[in-house]
Amino acid sequence: MRSQTWQDLSPGRKRTVIAAGAVQVTLALTAWVDLSRRSPERVNGPKKLWAAVIAINFVGPLAYFCFGRRRDS
């Protein structure tokens, strides 16, 4: 069975792929901006490591927002 190409996808599937990609890019950009503005003391772990983790699909930015940022008490 061969892989589907973009032309093989229905219009609905194309919209879904575009929407998922937009969400992924928005999450990653938001996380990278937050990371760049946050001082190292307010990040759990090295900032360079989190910058790389954020690049991992949806999981990276979600992990950063859940575990990478220190909460102010």
N, C-alpha and C. Protein backbone atom coordinates (compact mmCIF):
# COMPACT_ATOMS: atom_id res chain seq x y z
N MET A 1 0.85 -1.18 0.00
CA MET A 1 0.00 0.00 0.00
C MET A 1 0.89 1.24 0.00
N ARG A 2 0.65 2.14 -0.91
CA ARG A 2 1.48 3.34 -1.00
C ARG A 2 0.93 4.43 -0.10
N SER A 3 1.80 5.35 0.26
CA SER A 3 1.39 6.48 1.09
C SER A 3 0.50 7.42 0.29
N GLN A 4 -0.39 8.08 1.00
CA GLN A 4 -1.22 9.07 0.34
C GLN A 4 -0.42 10.36 0.13
N THR A 5 -0.65 11.01 -0.98
CA THR A 5 -0.06 12.32 -1.22
C THR A 5 -1.09 13.38 -0.85
N TRP A 6 -0.66 14.62 -0.86
CA TRP A 6 -1.56 15.72 -0.53
C TRP A 6 -2.76 15.73 -1.48
N GLN A 7 -2.52 15.45 -2.74
CA GLN A 7 -3.59 15.45 -3.73
C GLN A 7 -4.61 14.34 -3.47
N ASP A 8 -4.21 13.27 -2.81
CA ASP A 8 -5.12 12.16 -2.53
C ASP A 8 -6.08 12.46 -1.38
N LEU A 9 -5.78 13.45 -0.57
CA LEU A 9 -6.60 13.75 0.60
C LEU A 9 -7.87 14.50 0.20
N SER A 10 -8.92 14.23 0.94
CA SER A 10 -10.18 14.94 0.71
C SER A 10 -10.03 16.37 1.25
N PRO A 11 -10.88 17.28 0.80
CA PRO A 11 -10.81 18.66 1.32
C PRO A 11 -10.94 18.73 2.84
N GLY A 12 -11.78 17.88 3.42
CA GLY A 12 -11.93 17.87 4.88
C GLY A 12 -10.66 17.45 5.59
N ARG A 13 -9.99 16.44 5.06
CA ARG A 13 -8.73 15.99 5.67
C ARG A 13 -7.64 17.04 5.50
N LYS A 14 -7.63 17.71 4.37
CA LYS A 14 -6.65 18.78 4.16
C LYS A 14 -6.84 19.89 5.20
N ARG A 15 -8.11 20.27 5.44
CA ARG A 15 -8.39 21.29 6.45
C ARG A 15 -7.95 20.83 7.83
N THR A 16 -8.16 19.56 8.15
CA THR A 16 -7.76 19.01 9.45
C THR A 16 -6.24 19.06 9.61
N VAL A 17 -5.53 18.68 8.57
CA VAL A 17 -4.06 18.71 8.63
C VAL A 17 -3.56 20.14 8.81
N ILE A 18 -4.14 21.07 8.07
CA ILE A 18 -3.74 22.47 8.19
C ILE A 18 -4.05 23.02 9.58
N ALA A 19 -5.22 22.70 10.11
CA ALA A 19 -5.60 23.17 11.45
C ALA A 19 -4.68 22.59 12.52
N ALA A 20 -4.39 21.30 12.43
CA ALA A 20 -3.49 20.67 13.42
C ALA A 20 -2.10 21.29 13.33
N GLY A 21 -1.63 21.55 12.13
CA GLY A 21 -0.32 22.18 11.96
C GLY A 21 -0.30 23.59 12.54
N ALA A 22 -1.39 24.33 12.34
CA ALA A 22 -1.47 25.69 12.88
C ALA A 22 -1.45 25.67 14.41
N VAL A 23 -2.18 24.73 15.00
CA VAL A 23 -2.20 24.61 16.47
C VAL A 23 -0.80 24.25 16.97
N GLN A 24 -0.15 23.32 16.32
CA GLN A 24 1.19 22.90 16.73
C GLN A 24 2.18 24.06 16.66
N VAL A 25 2.17 24.79 15.57
CA VAL A 25 3.10 25.92 15.40
C VAL A 25 2.80 27.00 16.43
N THR A 26 1.52 27.29 16.66
CA THR A 26 1.14 28.31 17.64
C THR A 26 1.59 27.92 19.04
N LEU A 27 1.38 26.66 19.42
CA LEU A 27 1.83 26.18 20.74
C LEU A 27 3.35 26.33 20.88
N ALA A 28 4.09 25.90 19.86
CA ALA A 28 5.54 25.96 19.92
C ALA A 28 6.03 27.41 19.99
N LEU A 29 5.49 28.28 19.16
CA LEU A 29 5.93 29.68 19.18
C LEU A 29 5.62 30.34 20.52
N THR A 30 4.44 30.06 21.05
CA THR A 30 4.07 30.61 22.35
C THR A 30 5.02 30.12 23.44
N ALA A 31 5.36 28.85 23.42
CA ALA A 31 6.27 28.30 24.42
C ALA A 31 7.68 28.89 24.27
N TRP A 32 8.17 29.01 23.03
CA TRP A 32 9.50 29.58 22.83
C TRP A 32 9.56 31.04 23.26
N VAL A 33 8.52 31.81 22.98
CA VAL A 33 8.48 33.21 23.41
C VAL A 33 8.48 33.28 24.93
N ASP A 34 7.65 32.47 25.57
CA ASP A 34 7.60 32.45 27.04
C ASP A 34 8.97 32.07 27.61
N LEU A 35 9.59 31.05 27.03
CA LEU A 35 10.90 30.60 27.50
C LEU A 35 11.96 31.68 27.34
N SER A 36 11.93 32.39 26.23
CA SER A 36 12.94 33.43 25.98
C SER A 36 12.78 34.61 26.94
N ARG A 37 11.57 34.88 27.37
CA ARG A 37 11.32 36.02 28.27
C ARG A 37 11.46 35.65 29.75
N ARG A 38 11.49 34.38 30.05
CA ARG A 38 11.55 33.90 31.43
C ARG A 38 13.00 33.79 31.88
N SER A 39 13.30 34.26 33.08
CA SER A 39 14.67 34.17 33.60
C SER A 39 15.00 32.70 33.91
N PRO A 40 16.28 32.33 33.85
CA PRO A 40 16.66 30.94 34.12
C PRO A 40 16.21 30.44 35.50
N GLU A 41 16.11 31.34 36.46
CA GLU A 41 15.68 30.95 37.81
C GLU A 41 14.22 30.53 37.84
N ARG A 42 13.47 30.92 36.84
CA ARG A 42 12.04 30.61 36.80
C ARG A 42 11.72 29.46 35.85
N VAL A 43 12.77 28.71 35.46
CA VAL A 43 12.62 27.56 34.58
C VAL A 43 13.14 26.32 35.30
N ASN A 44 12.41 25.23 35.24
CA ASN A 44 12.86 23.96 35.82
C ASN A 44 13.80 23.28 34.83
N GLY A 45 15.10 23.41 35.05
CA GLY A 45 16.08 22.79 34.16
C GLY A 45 16.70 23.81 33.22
N PRO A 46 17.60 23.33 32.37
CA PRO A 46 18.29 24.23 31.44
C PRO A 46 17.37 24.75 30.34
N LYS A 47 17.48 26.02 30.05
CA LYS A 47 16.65 26.63 29.01
C LYS A 47 16.94 26.02 27.64
N LYS A 48 18.20 25.69 27.36
CA LYS A 48 18.55 25.10 26.07
C LYS A 48 17.85 23.75 25.89
N LEU A 49 17.77 22.98 26.94
CA LEU A 49 17.07 21.69 26.88
C LEU A 49 15.59 21.90 26.59
N TRP A 50 14.97 22.84 27.29
CA TRP A 50 13.55 23.10 27.06
C TRP A 50 13.30 23.63 25.66
N ALA A 51 14.22 24.43 25.13
CA ALA A 51 14.07 24.93 23.76
C ALA A 51 14.03 23.77 22.77
N ALA A 52 14.85 22.76 23.00
CA ALA A 52 14.84 21.58 22.13
C ALA A 52 13.58 20.74 22.34
N VAL A 53 13.16 20.59 23.58
CA VAL A 53 11.96 19.78 23.88
C VAL A 53 10.72 20.39 23.23
N ILE A 54 10.65 21.70 23.22
CA ILE A 54 9.49 22.39 22.65
C ILE A 54 9.29 22.02 21.18
N ALA A 55 10.37 21.66 20.49
CA ALA A 55 10.29 21.33 19.06
C ALA A 55 9.62 19.98 18.80
N ILE A 56 9.33 19.21 19.83
CA ILE A 56 8.74 17.88 19.67
C ILE A 56 7.22 17.99 19.60
N ASN A 57 6.70 18.00 18.39
CA ASN A 57 5.26 18.01 18.11
C ASN A 57 4.44 18.73 19.17
N PHE A 58 3.30 18.19 19.53
CA PHE A 58 2.43 18.80 20.53
C PHE A 58 2.96 18.53 21.94
N VAL A 59 3.66 17.43 22.10
CA VAL A 59 4.10 16.99 23.42
C VAL A 59 5.07 17.98 24.06
N GLY A 60 6.01 18.48 23.29
CA GLY A 60 7.04 19.37 23.82
C GLY A 60 6.50 20.64 24.44
N PRO A 61 5.71 21.42 23.70
CA PRO A 61 5.17 22.64 24.31
C PRO A 61 4.27 22.36 25.51
N LEU A 62 3.47 21.29 25.43
CA LEU A 62 2.61 20.96 26.56
C LEU A 62 3.44 20.57 27.78
N ALA A 63 4.52 19.82 27.57
CA ALA A 63 5.40 19.45 28.67
C ALA A 63 6.04 20.69 29.29
N TYR A 64 6.46 21.62 28.43
CA TYR A 64 7.06 22.85 28.95
C TYR A 64 6.06 23.62 29.81
N PHE A 65 4.84 23.79 29.30
CA PHE A 65 3.85 24.55 30.07
C PHE A 65 3.46 23.84 31.36
N CYS A 66 3.48 22.52 31.38
CA CYS A 66 3.10 21.77 32.58
C CYS A 66 4.26 21.61 33.57
N PHE A 67 5.47 21.36 33.06
CA PHE A 67 6.58 21.01 33.94
C PHE A 67 7.80 21.93 33.87
N GLY A 68 7.93 22.71 32.83
CA GLY A 68 9.13 23.52 32.63
C GLY A 68 9.15 24.84 33.33
N ARG A 69 7.99 25.37 33.63
CA ARG A 69 7.93 26.70 34.24
C ARG A 69 7.73 26.59 35.74
N ARG A 70 8.48 27.38 36.47
CA ARG A 70 8.27 27.44 37.92
C ARG A 70 7.14 28.40 38.20
N ARG A 71 6.27 28.00 39.08
CA ARG A 71 5.14 28.84 39.45
C ARG A 71 5.56 29.78 40.56
N ASP A 72 5.11 31.02 40.45
CA ASP A 72 5.38 31.98 41.53
C ASP A 72 4.40 31.71 42.66
N SER A 73 4.94 31.61 43.86
CA SER A 73 4.08 31.31 45.01
C SER A 73 3.76 32.55 45.79
